[in-house]
Amino acid sequence: MPRGDGTGPSGQGPGTGRGQGRGAGIGRMGGQKAAGPGGNCVCPSCGTKVAHQAGIPCYDIKCPKCGTNMVRE
């Protein structure tokens, strides 16, 4: 695009296409970004499981048995 008006060669060079090779919609650590409303929260210390409550992250919930912060199953 010598004049910046949109005329010029198209489809040449490494910058063609968008979003290729960006992953498949997963989070940083290979898991899901948001796991959704279902599932369980589990205690990493004692293994106690409780049903996940929509809108409340598992890490904000304390284990009812030992008091450790829960994680998503």
Protein backbone atom coordinates (compact mmCIF):
# COMPACT_ATOMS: atom_id res chain seq x y z
CA MET A 1 0.00 0.00 0.00
CA PRO A 2 2.23 2.76 -1.15
CA ARG A 3 -0.29 5.52 -0.61
CA GLY A 4 -2.19 3.97 2.30
CA ASP A 5 -5.42 3.94 0.28
CA GLY A 6 -5.97 0.19 0.35
CA THR A 7 -4.65 -0.49 -3.12
CA GLY A 8 -1.74 -2.82 -3.40
CA PRO A 9 -0.84 -6.47 -3.34
CA SER A 10 -3.02 -8.64 -1.16
CA GLY A 11 -2.28 -11.96 0.43
CA GLN A 12 1.48 -11.68 0.40
CA GLY A 13 3.86 -11.83 3.28
CA PRO A 14 3.70 -13.38 6.74
CA GLY A 15 1.00 -11.07 8.12
CA THR A 16 -1.94 -12.48 6.19
CA GLY A 17 -4.85 -13.87 8.17
CA ARG A 18 -5.94 -13.17 11.71
CA GLY A 19 -5.90 -15.20 14.87
CA GLN A 20 -4.29 -18.28 13.44
CA GLY A 21 -2.40 -20.37 15.95
CA ARG A 22 -3.89 -18.58 18.93
CA GLY A 23 -5.21 -21.64 20.74
CA ALA A 24 -8.65 -23.12 21.11
CA GLY A 25 -10.26 -20.84 23.67
CA ILE A 26 -8.54 -22.26 26.71
CA GLY A 27 -6.97 -20.49 29.67
CA ARG A 28 -3.31 -19.88 30.45
CA MET A 29 -2.70 -23.13 32.23
CA GLY A 30 -4.41 -25.34 29.66
CA GLY A 31 -7.74 -25.45 31.48
CA GLN A 32 -10.95 -23.64 30.82
CA LYS A 33 -11.19 -19.89 31.28
CA ALA A 34 -14.50 -20.15 33.07
CA ALA A 35 -15.59 -23.62 34.06
CA GLY A 36 -19.31 -22.78 34.06
CA PRO A 37 -22.03 -23.13 36.66
CA GLY A 38 -21.83 -26.89 37.24
CA GLY A 39 -19.22 -29.05 38.89
CA ASN A 40 -17.65 -29.19 42.31
CA CYS A 41 -15.18 -27.33 44.46
CA VAL A 42 -12.62 -29.58 46.14
CA CYS A 43 -10.28 -29.02 49.07
CA PRO A 44 -6.63 -29.51 48.07
CA SER A 45 -5.74 -30.51 51.65
CA CYS A 46 -8.37 -33.03 52.74
CA GLY A 47 -10.26 -33.78 49.49
CA THR A 48 -13.70 -32.63 50.67
CA LYS A 49 -16.03 -31.80 47.78
CA VAL A 50 -18.89 -29.31 47.76
CA ALA A 51 -21.19 -28.31 44.89
CA HIS A 52 -20.00 -25.23 43.01
CA GLN A 53 -22.22 -22.16 43.37
CA ALA A 54 -22.62 -20.04 40.23
CA GLY A 55 -21.04 -16.61 40.57
CA ILE A 56 -18.79 -17.56 43.50
CA PRO A 57 -15.24 -18.69 42.65
CA CYS A 58 -14.17 -21.87 44.43
CA TYR A 59 -11.07 -20.14 45.80
CA ASP A 60 -13.37 -17.79 47.76
CA ILE A 61 -14.98 -20.74 49.57
CA LYS A 62 -13.42 -22.23 52.71
CA CYS A 63 -13.43 -25.99 53.27
CA PRO A 64 -16.13 -26.90 55.83
CA LYS A 65 -13.81 -29.49 57.44
CA CYS A 66 -10.35 -27.88 57.58
CA GLY A 67 -10.80 -24.22 56.52
CA THR A 68 -8.47 -24.33 53.51
CA ASN A 69 -9.50 -22.38 50.39
CA MET A 70 -11.21 -24.68 47.89
CA VAL A 71 -10.18 -25.10 44.22
CA ARG A 72 -12.21 -26.04 41.16
CA GLU A 73 -12.38 -29.77 40.46
